[in-house]
Amino acid sequence: MQPEPKNLLLDQINQEIQNGPYYQQNFSNDGERFVAWYLRRVLLRDAVAARDDITDGANDKQIDAVIVDDEESRVLIIQGKFIAASQVDGEPLREVLSAWVRLQDLPSLQKDCNEKLKVKLEAVRKALDEDYRVDFELLTTGVLTDAAKADLTVFSDKLEESDDFIASLHVIDTEGFRRALLKQKLWNCHPWITW
């Protein structure tokens, strides 16, 4: 049996969150630090916004971060899975589906969640009243198993068929991170190109 190939991106993320004072001083665990890294390095959120976006912790109801983007008329719900395993099964997808189900009953969700999420959910409520779309993102440092990919297709179809609000599900995995970071690097070198 061959050893699993080394995940260089995982190593890079680990190095950045372990050596970055921002991540060490503002977040209590590697899961929060991973989501904060994504917010800062991939979504280019500033330090204050990224800290405010994070809702991870006790009673986060499978919602690690929330961004209400008025420019794009969308709500971004993020669930992060910072794991060393190269394969990711369907459990994280079920967590995202759970967040979607709970989001359909905002008053109940607000009663049960942590304080940071309660504040964010009020902004979500207002955004949904304005017909913002909801994008769920599952962040993982691994790759989905074939069974999880099949689950993703089923869950994505369920989200798209929902009458409650327009929603979609995206998995950002190792390859997705690589593409996003490459795009940023190219944009920094050639800002006049429209991506």
N, C-alpha and C. Protein backbone atom coordinates (compact mmCIF):
# COMPACT_ATOMS: atom_id res chain seq x y z
N MET A 1 0.84 -1.18 0.00
CA MET A 1 0.00 0.00 0.00
C MET A 1 0.89 1.25 0.00
N GLN A 2 0.59 2.17 -0.89
CA GLN A 2 1.39 3.40 -1.00
C GLN A 2 0.96 4.41 0.04
N PRO A 3 1.91 5.19 0.57
CA PRO A 3 1.53 6.25 1.51
C PRO A 3 0.77 7.35 0.77
N GLU A 4 -0.11 8.02 1.51
CA GLU A 4 -0.88 9.11 0.90
C GLU A 4 0.06 10.25 0.52
N PRO A 5 -0.20 10.92 -0.60
CA PRO A 5 0.65 12.05 -0.99
C PRO A 5 0.51 13.18 0.02
N LYS A 6 1.56 13.90 0.20
CA LYS A 6 1.59 15.01 1.14
C LYS A 6 0.72 16.16 0.60
N ASN A 7 -0.09 16.72 1.47
CA ASN A 7 -0.96 17.83 1.10
C ASN A 7 -0.21 19.14 1.37
N LEU A 8 0.43 19.67 0.33
CA LEU A 8 1.25 20.87 0.49
C LEU A 8 0.40 22.08 0.86
N LEU A 9 -0.81 22.15 0.35
CA LEU A 9 -1.67 23.27 0.70
C LEU A 9 -2.03 23.24 2.18
N LEU A 10 -2.32 22.06 2.69
CA LEU A 10 -2.60 21.92 4.12
C LEU A 10 -1.39 22.39 4.92
N ASP A 11 -0.21 22.02 4.49
CA ASP A 11 1.01 22.48 5.16
C ASP A 11 1.13 24.00 5.12
N GLN A 12 0.82 24.60 3.97
CA GLN A 12 0.89 26.05 3.83
C GLN A 12 -0.11 26.73 4.77
N ILE A 13 -1.33 26.24 4.79
CA ILE A 13 -2.36 26.82 5.66
C ILE A 13 -1.93 26.69 7.11
N ASN A 14 -1.48 25.49 7.49
CA ASN A 14 -1.01 25.27 8.86
C ASN A 14 0.08 26.24 9.24
N GLN A 15 1.04 26.41 8.35
CA GLN A 15 2.16 27.31 8.62
C GLN A 15 1.67 28.75 8.79
N GLU A 16 0.77 29.19 7.92
CA GLU A 16 0.27 30.57 8.01
C GLU A 16 -0.54 30.81 9.27
N ILE A 17 -1.38 29.85 9.66
CA ILE A 17 -2.19 30.10 10.86
C ILE A 17 -1.39 29.91 12.15
N GLN A 18 -0.35 29.06 12.10
CA GLN A 18 0.49 28.88 13.30
C GLN A 18 1.45 30.05 13.49
N ASN A 19 1.91 30.63 12.39
CA ASN A 19 2.90 31.71 12.46
C ASN A 19 2.29 33.10 12.39
N GLY A 20 1.00 33.19 12.10
CA GLY A 20 0.36 34.49 11.97
C GLY A 20 -0.20 34.98 13.29
N PRO A 21 0.33 36.08 13.84
CA PRO A 21 -0.18 36.59 15.12
C PRO A 21 -1.68 36.87 15.08
N TYR A 22 -2.20 37.32 13.94
CA TYR A 22 -3.63 37.62 13.84
C TYR A 22 -4.45 36.38 14.19
N TYR A 23 -4.08 35.24 13.62
CA TYR A 23 -4.84 34.01 13.84
C TYR A 23 -4.67 33.51 15.28
N GLN A 24 -3.47 33.60 15.79
CA GLN A 24 -3.20 33.10 17.14
C GLN A 24 -3.86 33.97 18.21
N GLN A 25 -3.89 35.28 18.00
CA GLN A 25 -4.41 36.20 19.02
C GLN A 25 -5.93 36.35 18.99
N ASN A 26 -6.56 36.07 17.86
CA ASN A 26 -7.99 36.34 17.73
C ASN A 26 -8.89 35.11 17.71
N PHE A 27 -8.31 33.91 17.57
CA PHE A 27 -9.14 32.72 17.44
C PHE A 27 -8.62 31.62 18.35
N SER A 28 -9.55 30.88 18.95
CA SER A 28 -9.18 29.95 20.01
C SER A 28 -8.80 28.54 19.55
N ASN A 29 -9.08 28.19 18.29
CA ASN A 29 -8.74 26.84 17.83
C ASN A 29 -8.44 26.86 16.34
N ASP A 30 -7.87 25.75 15.87
CA ASP A 30 -7.46 25.69 14.46
C ASP A 30 -8.65 25.71 13.51
N GLY A 31 -9.81 25.23 13.93
CA GLY A 31 -11.00 25.30 13.08
C GLY A 31 -11.38 26.75 12.79
N GLU A 32 -11.41 27.58 13.83
CA GLU A 32 -11.71 29.01 13.65
C GLU A 32 -10.61 29.67 12.83
N ARG A 33 -9.37 29.31 13.12
CA ARG A 33 -8.24 29.91 12.40
C ARG A 33 -8.30 29.57 10.91
N PHE A 34 -8.71 28.35 10.59
CA PHE A 34 -8.84 27.92 9.20
C PHE A 34 -9.90 28.75 8.48
N VAL A 35 -11.05 28.93 9.10
CA VAL A 35 -12.12 29.73 8.49
C VAL A 35 -11.64 31.18 8.36
N ALA A 36 -10.97 31.70 9.38
CA ALA A 36 -10.45 33.07 9.31
C ALA A 36 -9.41 33.19 8.18
N TRP A 37 -8.57 32.17 8.03
CA TRP A 37 -7.58 32.17 6.94
C TRP A 37 -8.31 32.27 5.60
N TYR A 38 -9.36 31.48 5.43
CA TYR A 38 -10.14 31.52 4.18
C TYR A 38 -10.73 32.91 3.96
N LEU A 39 -11.31 33.47 5.00
CA LEU A 39 -11.92 34.80 4.87
C LEU A 39 -10.88 35.84 4.47
N ARG A 40 -9.70 35.77 5.07
CA ARG A 40 -8.65 36.77 4.80
C ARG A 40 -7.94 36.51 3.47
N ARG A 41 -7.50 35.27 3.25
CA ARG A 41 -6.63 34.98 2.10
C ARG A 41 -7.40 34.74 0.80
N VAL A 42 -8.59 34.18 0.89
CA VAL A 42 -9.34 33.84 -0.31
C VAL A 42 -10.42 34.88 -0.60
N LEU A 43 -11.21 35.22 0.41
CA LEU A 43 -12.27 36.21 0.20
C LEU A 43 -11.79 37.65 0.39
N LEU A 44 -10.56 37.80 0.86
CA LEU A 44 -9.92 39.11 1.04
C LEU A 44 -10.68 40.03 2.01
N ARG A 45 -11.23 39.44 3.06
CA ARG A 45 -11.89 40.23 4.10
C ARG A 45 -10.80 40.88 4.96
N ASP A 46 -11.07 42.10 5.43
CA ASP A 46 -10.07 42.73 6.30
C ASP A 46 -10.12 42.08 7.69
N ALA A 47 -9.15 42.41 8.53
CA ALA A 47 -9.00 41.75 9.83
C ALA A 47 -10.24 41.91 10.71
N VAL A 48 -10.81 43.09 10.74
CA VAL A 48 -11.98 43.35 11.58
C VAL A 48 -13.19 42.60 11.05
N ALA A 49 -13.43 42.67 9.75
CA ALA A 49 -14.58 42.00 9.15
C ALA A 49 -14.48 40.49 9.35
N ALA A 50 -13.31 39.93 9.13
CA ALA A 50 -13.15 38.48 9.27
C ALA A 50 -13.46 38.04 10.70
N ARG A 51 -12.96 38.77 11.67
CA ARG A 51 -13.24 38.44 13.07
C ARG A 51 -14.74 38.53 13.35
N ASP A 52 -15.40 39.52 12.79
CA ASP A 52 -16.83 39.69 12.97
C ASP A 52 -17.64 38.60 12.25
N ASP A 53 -17.13 38.11 11.13
CA ASP A 53 -17.84 37.10 10.34
C ASP A 53 -17.91 35.74 11.04
N ILE A 54 -16.91 35.44 11.88
CA ILE A 54 -16.79 34.12 12.52
C ILE A 54 -17.87 33.96 13.58
N THR A 55 -18.62 32.86 13.48
CA THR A 55 -19.65 32.54 14.48
C THR A 55 -19.36 31.19 15.13
N ASP A 56 -18.25 30.58 14.80
CA ASP A 56 -17.88 29.25 15.28
C ASP A 56 -17.81 29.24 16.80
N GLY A 57 -18.11 28.10 17.37
CA GLY A 57 -18.04 27.92 18.81
C GLY A 57 -19.23 27.11 19.28
N ALA A 58 -19.41 27.07 20.59
CA ALA A 58 -20.54 26.35 21.15
C ALA A 58 -21.84 26.90 20.57
N ASN A 59 -22.74 26.03 20.23
CA ASN A 59 -24.05 26.40 19.68
C ASN A 59 -23.97 27.21 18.39
N ASP A 60 -22.99 26.89 17.55
CA ASP A 60 -22.89 27.59 16.26
C ASP A 60 -23.84 27.00 15.22
N LYS A 61 -24.48 25.88 15.55
CA LYS A 61 -25.49 25.25 14.70
C LYS A 61 -24.98 24.94 13.30
N GLN A 62 -23.73 24.50 13.24
CA GLN A 62 -23.08 24.12 11.98
C GLN A 62 -22.85 25.32 11.06
N ILE A 63 -22.76 26.51 11.64
CA ILE A 63 -22.51 27.72 10.88
C ILE A 63 -21.27 28.37 11.48
N ASP A 64 -20.14 28.27 10.77
CA ASP A 64 -18.88 28.79 11.29
C ASP A 64 -18.65 30.26 10.97
N ALA A 65 -19.27 30.75 9.91
CA ALA A 65 -19.13 32.16 9.54
C ALA A 65 -20.33 32.57 8.69
N VAL A 66 -20.67 33.85 8.79
CA VAL A 66 -21.78 34.42 8.02
C VAL A 66 -21.34 35.76 7.46
N ILE A 67 -21.57 35.95 6.17
CA ILE A 67 -21.32 37.23 5.52
C ILE A 67 -22.60 37.63 4.79
N VAL A 68 -23.08 38.82 5.06
CA VAL A 68 -24.19 39.37 4.29
C VAL A 68 -23.57 40.38 3.33
N ASP A 69 -23.62 40.05 2.05
CA ASP A 69 -22.99 40.85 1.01
C ASP A 69 -24.06 41.65 0.28
N ASP A 70 -24.21 42.91 0.66
CA ASP A 70 -25.26 43.75 0.06
C ASP A 70 -24.98 44.05 -1.41
N GLU A 71 -23.72 44.17 -1.78
CA GLU A 71 -23.36 44.43 -3.17
C GLU A 71 -23.81 43.32 -4.10
N GLU A 72 -23.64 42.09 -3.66
CA GLU A 72 -23.99 40.91 -4.46
C GLU A 72 -25.39 40.39 -4.16
N SER A 73 -26.08 41.00 -3.20
CA SER A 73 -27.41 40.54 -2.75
C SER A 73 -27.37 39.05 -2.40
N ARG A 74 -26.41 38.71 -1.55
CA ARG A 74 -26.29 37.32 -1.16
C ARG A 74 -25.85 37.19 0.29
N VAL A 75 -26.20 36.05 0.86
CA VAL A 75 -25.76 35.66 2.19
C VAL A 75 -24.84 34.47 2.00
N LEU A 76 -23.67 34.53 2.61
CA LEU A 76 -22.71 33.43 2.52
C LEU A 76 -22.63 32.76 3.89
N ILE A 77 -22.96 31.48 3.92
CA ILE A 77 -22.90 30.67 5.13
C ILE A 77 -21.75 29.69 4.95
N ILE A 78 -20.79 29.71 5.88
CA ILE A 78 -19.59 28.91 5.74
C ILE A 78 -19.49 27.88 6.86
N GLN A 79 -19.18 26.66 6.46
CA GLN A 79 -18.86 25.58 7.40
C GLN A 79 -17.49 25.07 7.03
N GLY A 80 -16.55 25.13 7.97
CA GLY A 80 -15.18 24.70 7.69
C GLY A 80 -14.84 23.38 8.34
N LYS A 81 -14.07 22.58 7.63
CA LYS A 81 -13.56 21.31 8.14
C LYS A 81 -12.06 21.27 7.87
N PHE A 82 -11.30 21.60 8.90
CA PHE A 82 -9.84 21.65 8.81
C PHE A 82 -9.32 20.31 9.29
N ILE A 83 -9.11 19.40 8.35
CA ILE A 83 -8.74 18.04 8.71
C ILE A 83 -7.50 17.60 7.94
N ALA A 84 -6.76 16.70 8.55
CA ALA A 84 -5.54 16.20 7.92
C ALA A 84 -5.83 15.05 6.96
N ALA A 85 -6.99 14.41 7.10
CA ALA A 85 -7.33 13.28 6.22
C ALA A 85 -7.46 13.76 4.77
N SER A 86 -7.02 12.93 3.85
CA SER A 86 -7.10 13.33 2.45
C SER A 86 -8.49 13.12 1.87
N GLN A 87 -9.28 12.23 2.46
CA GLN A 87 -10.63 11.93 1.98
C GLN A 87 -11.65 12.44 2.99
N VAL A 88 -12.72 13.03 2.48
CA VAL A 88 -13.78 13.58 3.33
C VAL A 88 -15.07 12.87 2.98
N ASP A 89 -15.73 12.31 4.00
CA ASP A 89 -16.98 11.60 3.75
C ASP A 89 -18.15 12.58 3.74
N GLY A 90 -19.37 12.07 3.77
CA GLY A 90 -20.57 12.90 3.65
C GLY A 90 -20.98 13.64 4.90
N GLU A 91 -20.36 13.36 6.05
CA GLU A 91 -20.79 14.01 7.30
C GLU A 91 -20.74 15.54 7.24
N PRO A 92 -19.67 16.17 6.75
CA PRO A 92 -19.68 17.64 6.66
C PRO A 92 -20.80 18.18 5.76
N LEU A 93 -21.14 17.44 4.71
CA LEU A 93 -22.25 17.86 3.84
C LEU A 93 -23.57 17.81 4.61
N ARG A 94 -23.73 16.79 5.44
CA ARG A 94 -24.95 16.70 6.25
C ARG A 94 -25.02 17.85 7.25
N GLU A 95 -23.88 18.32 7.73
CA GLU A 95 -23.85 19.47 8.63
C GLU A 95 -24.34 20.73 7.90
N VAL A 96 -23.91 20.90 6.67
CA VAL A 96 -24.37 22.05 5.88
C VAL A 96 -25.87 21.94 5.63
N LEU A 97 -26.33 20.75 5.31
CA LEU A 97 -27.76 20.53 5.09
C LEU A 97 -28.55 20.85 6.36
N SER A 98 -27.99 20.49 7.51
CA SER A 98 -28.62 20.80 8.79
C SER A 98 -28.74 22.32 8.98
N ALA A 99 -27.69 23.04 8.62
CA ALA A 99 -27.73 24.51 8.72
C ALA A 99 -28.81 25.07 7.80
N TRP A 100 -28.95 24.51 6.60
CA TRP A 100 -29.98 24.97 5.66
C TRP A 100 -31.38 24.74 6.25
N VAL A 101 -31.60 23.56 6.82
CA VAL A 101 -32.90 23.25 7.42
C VAL A 101 -33.19 24.22 8.56
N ARG A 102 -32.20 24.46 9.42
CA ARG A 102 -32.40 25.36 10.55
C ARG A 102 -32.63 26.81 10.09
N LEU A 103 -32.01 27.20 9.01
CA LEU A 103 -32.15 28.56 8.49
C LEU A 103 -33.57 28.84 8.01
N GLN A 104 -34.30 27.79 7.69
CA GLN A 104 -35.68 27.96 7.25
C GLN A 104 -36.62 28.34 8.39
N ASP A 105 -36.16 28.19 9.62
CA ASP A 105 -36.93 28.59 10.80
C ASP A 105 -36.04 29.50 11.66
N LEU A 106 -35.86 30.73 11.18
CA LEU A 106 -34.95 31.66 11.85
C LEU A 106 -35.29 31.91 13.32
N PRO A 107 -36.57 32.13 13.69
CA PRO A 107 -36.85 32.38 15.11
C PRO A 107 -36.38 31.24 16.02
N SER A 108 -36.60 30.00 15.61
CA SER A 108 -36.15 28.85 16.40
C SER A 108 -34.62 28.80 16.45
N LEU A 109 -33.99 29.03 15.33
CA LEU A 109 -32.53 29.02 15.27
C LEU A 109 -31.94 30.09 16.17
N GLN A 110 -32.54 31.29 16.17
CA GLN A 110 -32.03 32.38 17.01
C GLN A 110 -32.15 32.06 18.49
N LYS A 111 -33.15 31.30 18.88
CA LYS A 111 -33.31 30.92 20.29
C LYS A 111 -32.19 29.99 20.76
N ASP A 112 -31.75 29.12 19.85
CA ASP A 112 -30.82 28.05 20.23
C ASP A 112 -29.35 28.35 19.99
N CYS A 113 -29.03 29.42 19.31
CA CYS A 113 -27.64 29.61 18.87
C CYS A 113 -26.85 30.52 19.81
N ASN A 114 -25.56 30.63 19.53
CA ASN A 114 -24.69 31.50 20.34
C ASN A 114 -24.93 32.98 20.01
N GLU A 115 -24.39 33.85 20.83
CA GLU A 115 -24.66 35.29 20.71
C GLU A 115 -24.16 35.89 19.40
N LYS A 116 -22.98 35.47 18.96
CA LYS A 116 -22.44 36.01 17.69
C LYS A 116 -23.35 35.65 16.53
N LEU A 117 -23.84 34.42 16.53
CA LEU A 117 -24.71 33.98 15.45
C LEU A 117 -26.06 34.69 15.52
N LYS A 118 -26.56 34.96 16.73
CA LYS A 118 -27.84 35.67 16.87
C LYS A 118 -27.78 37.03 16.16
N VAL A 119 -26.69 37.74 16.36
CA VAL A 119 -26.52 39.05 15.73
C VAL A 119 -26.51 38.90 14.21
N LYS A 120 -25.75 37.93 13.73
CA LYS A 120 -25.65 37.70 12.28
C LYS A 120 -27.00 37.28 11.70
N LEU A 121 -27.76 36.49 12.44
CA LEU A 121 -29.04 36.00 11.92
C LEU A 121 -30.05 37.12 11.75
N GLU A 122 -29.93 38.16 12.54
CA GLU A 122 -30.83 39.31 12.33
C GLU A 122 -30.53 39.96 10.97
N ALA A 123 -29.25 40.08 10.63
CA ALA A 123 -28.88 40.62 9.32
C ALA A 123 -29.33 39.66 8.21
N VAL A 124 -29.24 38.36 8.46
CA VAL A 124 -29.70 37.37 7.48
C VAL A 124 -31.20 37.51 7.26
N ARG A 125 -31.95 37.67 8.34
CA ARG A 125 -33.40 37.83 8.22
C ARG A 125 -33.74 39.00 7.31
N LYS A 126 -33.08 40.13 7.54
CA LYS A 126 -33.33 41.31 6.72
C LYS A 126 -32.95 41.05 5.26
N ALA A 127 -31.85 40.35 5.05
CA ALA A 127 -31.41 40.04 3.69
C ALA A 127 -32.41 39.12 2.99
N LEU A 128 -32.92 38.14 3.70
CA LEU A 128 -33.90 37.23 3.10
C LEU A 128 -35.20 37.96 2.78
N ASP A 129 -35.55 38.94 3.61
CA ASP A 129 -36.73 39.77 3.31
C ASP A 129 -36.55 40.53 2.00
N GLU A 130 -35.30 40.80 1.64
CA GLU A 130 -34.97 41.49 0.39
C GLU A 130 -34.66 40.52 -0.75
N ASP A 131 -34.96 39.24 -0.52
CA ASP A 131 -34.77 38.18 -1.53
C ASP A 131 -33.31 37.95 -1.91
N TYR A 132 -32.40 38.12 -0.96
CA TYR A 132 -31.01 37.77 -1.22
C TYR A 132 -30.93 36.26 -1.41
N ARG A 133 -29.99 35.81 -2.24
CA ARG A 133 -29.75 34.38 -2.37
C ARG A 133 -28.82 33.94 -1.22
N VAL A 134 -28.82 32.66 -0.93
CA VAL A 134 -27.98 32.11 0.13
C VAL A 134 -27.02 31.12 -0.51
N ASP A 135 -25.73 31.35 -0.33
CA ASP A 135 -24.70 30.43 -0.81
C ASP A 135 -24.07 29.76 0.40
N PHE A 136 -24.16 28.44 0.43
CA PHE A 136 -23.50 27.66 1.47
C PHE A 136 -22.16 27.22 0.92
N GLU A 137 -21.12 27.38 1.72
CA GLU A 137 -19.80 26.90 1.31
C GLU A 137 -19.27 25.96 2.37
N LEU A 138 -18.89 24.78 1.93
CA LEU A 138 -18.20 23.83 2.79
C LEU A 138 -16.73 23.90 2.44
N LEU A 139 -15.92 24.30 3.41
CA LEU A 139 -14.48 24.39 3.22
C LEU A 139 -13.84 23.13 3.77
N THR A 140 -13.01 22.50 2.98
CA THR A 140 -12.32 21.32 3.47
C THR A 140 -10.93 21.24 2.86
N THR A 141 -10.01 20.73 3.64
CA THR A 141 -8.64 20.58 3.15
C THR A 141 -8.43 19.21 2.52
N GLY A 142 -9.49 18.42 2.44
CA GLY A 142 -9.42 17.12 1.80
C GLY A 142 -10.20 17.09 0.50
N VAL A 143 -10.44 15.91 0.00
CA VAL A 143 -11.19 15.69 -1.24
C VAL A 143 -12.38 14.80 -0.89
N LEU A 144 -13.55 15.11 -1.45
CA LEU A 144 -14.74 14.32 -1.17
C LEU A 144 -14.60 12.90 -1.72
N THR A 145 -15.08 11.92 -0.95
CA THR A 145 -15.15 10.55 -1.44
C THR A 145 -16.21 10.49 -2.55
N ASP A 146 -16.23 9.42 -3.30
CA ASP A 146 -17.24 9.27 -4.36
C ASP A 146 -18.65 9.31 -3.77
N ALA A 147 -18.84 8.66 -2.62
CA ALA A 147 -20.16 8.67 -1.96
C ALA A 147 -20.54 10.10 -1.56
N ALA A 148 -19.57 10.85 -1.05
CA ALA A 148 -19.84 12.24 -0.66
C ALA A 148 -20.16 13.10 -1.88
N LYS A 149 -19.50 12.83 -3.00
CA LYS A 149 -19.81 13.56 -4.25
C LYS A 149 -21.25 13.29 -4.68
N ALA A 150 -21.70 12.05 -4.53
CA ALA A 150 -23.09 11.71 -4.86
C ALA A 150 -24.04 12.45 -3.92
N ASP A 151 -23.69 12.50 -2.62
CA ASP A 151 -24.50 13.26 -1.65
C ASP A 151 -24.55 14.73 -2.03
N LEU A 152 -23.43 15.28 -2.47
CA LEU A 152 -23.37 16.68 -2.86
C LEU A 152 -24.36 16.97 -3.99
N THR A 153 -24.42 16.10 -4.96
CA THR A 153 -25.37 16.29 -6.07
C THR A 153 -26.80 16.29 -5.55
N VAL A 154 -27.14 15.34 -4.69
CA VAL A 154 -28.50 15.25 -4.14
C VAL A 154 -28.81 16.49 -3.32
N PHE A 155 -27.89 16.89 -2.43
CA PHE A 155 -28.12 18.06 -1.58
C PHE A 155 -28.24 19.34 -2.41
N SER A 156 -27.41 19.47 -3.43
CA SER A 156 -27.46 20.66 -4.28
C SER A 156 -28.81 20.75 -4.98
N ASP A 157 -29.30 19.62 -5.45
CA ASP A 157 -30.62 19.60 -6.09
C ASP A 157 -31.72 20.01 -5.11
N LYS A 158 -31.64 19.51 -3.87
CA LYS A 158 -32.63 19.87 -2.85
C LYS A 158 -32.63 21.38 -2.60
N LEU A 159 -31.44 21.95 -2.48
CA LEU A 159 -31.34 23.39 -2.24
C LEU A 159 -31.96 24.18 -3.38
N GLU A 160 -31.66 23.77 -4.61
CA GLU A 160 -32.16 24.50 -5.77
C GLU A 160 -33.68 24.38 -5.93
N GLU A 161 -34.25 23.30 -5.43
CA GLU A 161 -35.69 23.09 -5.53
C GLU A 161 -36.47 23.78 -4.41
N SER A 162 -35.79 24.28 -3.43
CA SER A 162 -36.45 24.87 -2.26
C SER A 162 -37.24 26.11 -2.64
N ASP A 163 -38.40 26.25 -2.02
CA ASP A 163 -39.24 27.43 -2.24
C ASP A 163 -38.98 28.53 -1.21
N ASP A 164 -38.26 28.20 -0.14
CA ASP A 164 -38.07 29.16 0.95
C ASP A 164 -37.18 30.33 0.54
N PHE A 165 -36.06 30.04 -0.08
CA PHE A 165 -35.15 31.07 -0.57
C PHE A 165 -34.22 30.44 -1.59
N ILE A 166 -33.65 31.27 -2.44
CA ILE A 166 -32.72 30.78 -3.45
C ILE A 166 -31.42 30.40 -2.75
N ALA A 167 -31.00 29.16 -2.95
CA ALA A 167 -29.82 28.68 -2.24
C ALA A 167 -28.98 27.78 -3.13
N SER A 168 -27.68 27.74 -2.83
CA SER A 168 -26.77 26.84 -3.54
C SER A 168 -25.71 26.36 -2.56
N LEU A 169 -25.08 25.26 -2.91
CA LEU A 169 -24.05 24.66 -2.07
C LEU A 169 -22.79 24.48 -2.90
N HIS A 170 -21.68 24.94 -2.36
CA HIS A 170 -20.38 24.83 -3.04
C HIS A 170 -19.37 24.20 -2.08
N VAL A 171 -18.60 23.29 -2.59
CA VAL A 171 -17.52 22.71 -1.81
C VAL A 171 -16.22 23.35 -2.28
N ILE A 172 -15.52 23.94 -1.33
CA ILE A 172 -14.21 24.52 -1.62
C ILE A 172 -13.20 23.56 -1.00
N ASP A 173 -12.53 22.81 -1.87
CA ASP A 173 -11.57 21.83 -1.41
C ASP A 173 -10.16 22.28 -1.79
N THR A 174 -9.23 21.39 -1.66
CA THR A 174 -7.83 21.73 -1.94
C THR A 174 -7.66 22.37 -3.30
N GLU A 175 -8.29 21.79 -4.32
CA GLU A 175 -8.17 22.34 -5.67
C GLU A 175 -8.83 23.72 -5.76
N GLY A 176 -9.96 23.89 -5.10
CA GLY A 176 -10.63 25.19 -5.09
C GLY A 176 -9.78 26.27 -4.44
N PHE A 177 -9.10 25.91 -3.34
CA PHE A 177 -8.19 26.86 -2.70
C PHE A 177 -7.04 27.22 -3.62
N ARG A 178 -6.49 26.21 -4.28
CA ARG A 178 -5.37 26.47 -5.20
C ARG A 178 -5.78 27.44 -6.31
N ARG A 179 -6.96 27.19 -6.91
CA ARG A 179 -7.44 28.06 -7.99
C ARG A 179 -7.64 29.49 -7.49
N ALA A 180 -8.25 29.63 -6.32
CA ALA A 180 -8.51 30.96 -5.77
C ALA A 180 -7.21 31.70 -5.47
N LEU A 181 -6.25 31.01 -4.90
CA LEU A 181 -4.97 31.66 -4.59
C LEU A 181 -4.20 32.01 -5.85
N LEU A 182 -4.26 31.15 -6.87
CA LEU A 182 -3.60 31.45 -8.14
C LEU A 182 -4.25 32.66 -8.79
N LYS A 183 -5.56 32.72 -8.78
CA LYS A 183 -6.28 33.86 -9.36
C LYS A 183 -5.86 35.16 -8.68
N GLN A 184 -5.75 35.12 -7.35
CA GLN A 184 -5.30 36.31 -6.62
C GLN A 184 -3.89 36.71 -7.02
N LYS A 185 -3.01 35.72 -7.11
CA LYS A 185 -1.63 36.00 -7.48
C LYS A 185 -1.56 36.64 -8.87
N LEU A 186 -2.32 36.07 -9.81
CA LEU A 186 -2.35 36.63 -11.15
C LEU A 186 -2.96 38.02 -11.17
N TRP A 187 -4.02 38.23 -10.39
CA TRP A 187 -4.65 39.54 -10.32
C TRP A 187 -3.69 40.58 -9.75
N ASN A 188 -2.93 40.18 -8.75
CA ASN A 188 -1.95 41.10 -8.16
C ASN A 188 -0.88 41.50 -9.18
N CYS A 189 -0.55 40.57 -10.07
CA CYS A 189 0.46 40.86 -11.11
C CYS A 189 -0.16 41.63 -12.30
N HIS A 190 -1.46 41.38 -12.58
CA HIS A 190 -2.12 41.96 -13.75
C HIS A 190 -3.51 42.49 -13.38
N PRO A 191 -3.59 43.55 -12.58
CA PRO A 191 -4.89 44.01 -12.10
C PRO A 191 -5.81 44.55 -13.18
N TRP A 192 -5.30 44.84 -14.35
CA TRP A 192 -6.12 45.40 -15.41
C TRP A 192 -6.94 44.31 -16.13
N ILE A 193 -6.64 43.03 -15.90
CA ILE A 193 -7.38 41.95 -16.54
C ILE A 193 -8.70 41.75 -15.81
N THR A 194 -9.78 41.63 -16.54
CA THR A 194 -11.08 41.35 -15.95
C THR A 194 -11.22 39.84 -15.79
N TRP A 195 -11.40 39.40 -14.56
CA TRP A 195 -11.52 37.96 -14.29
C TRP A 195 -12.96 37.63 -14.27
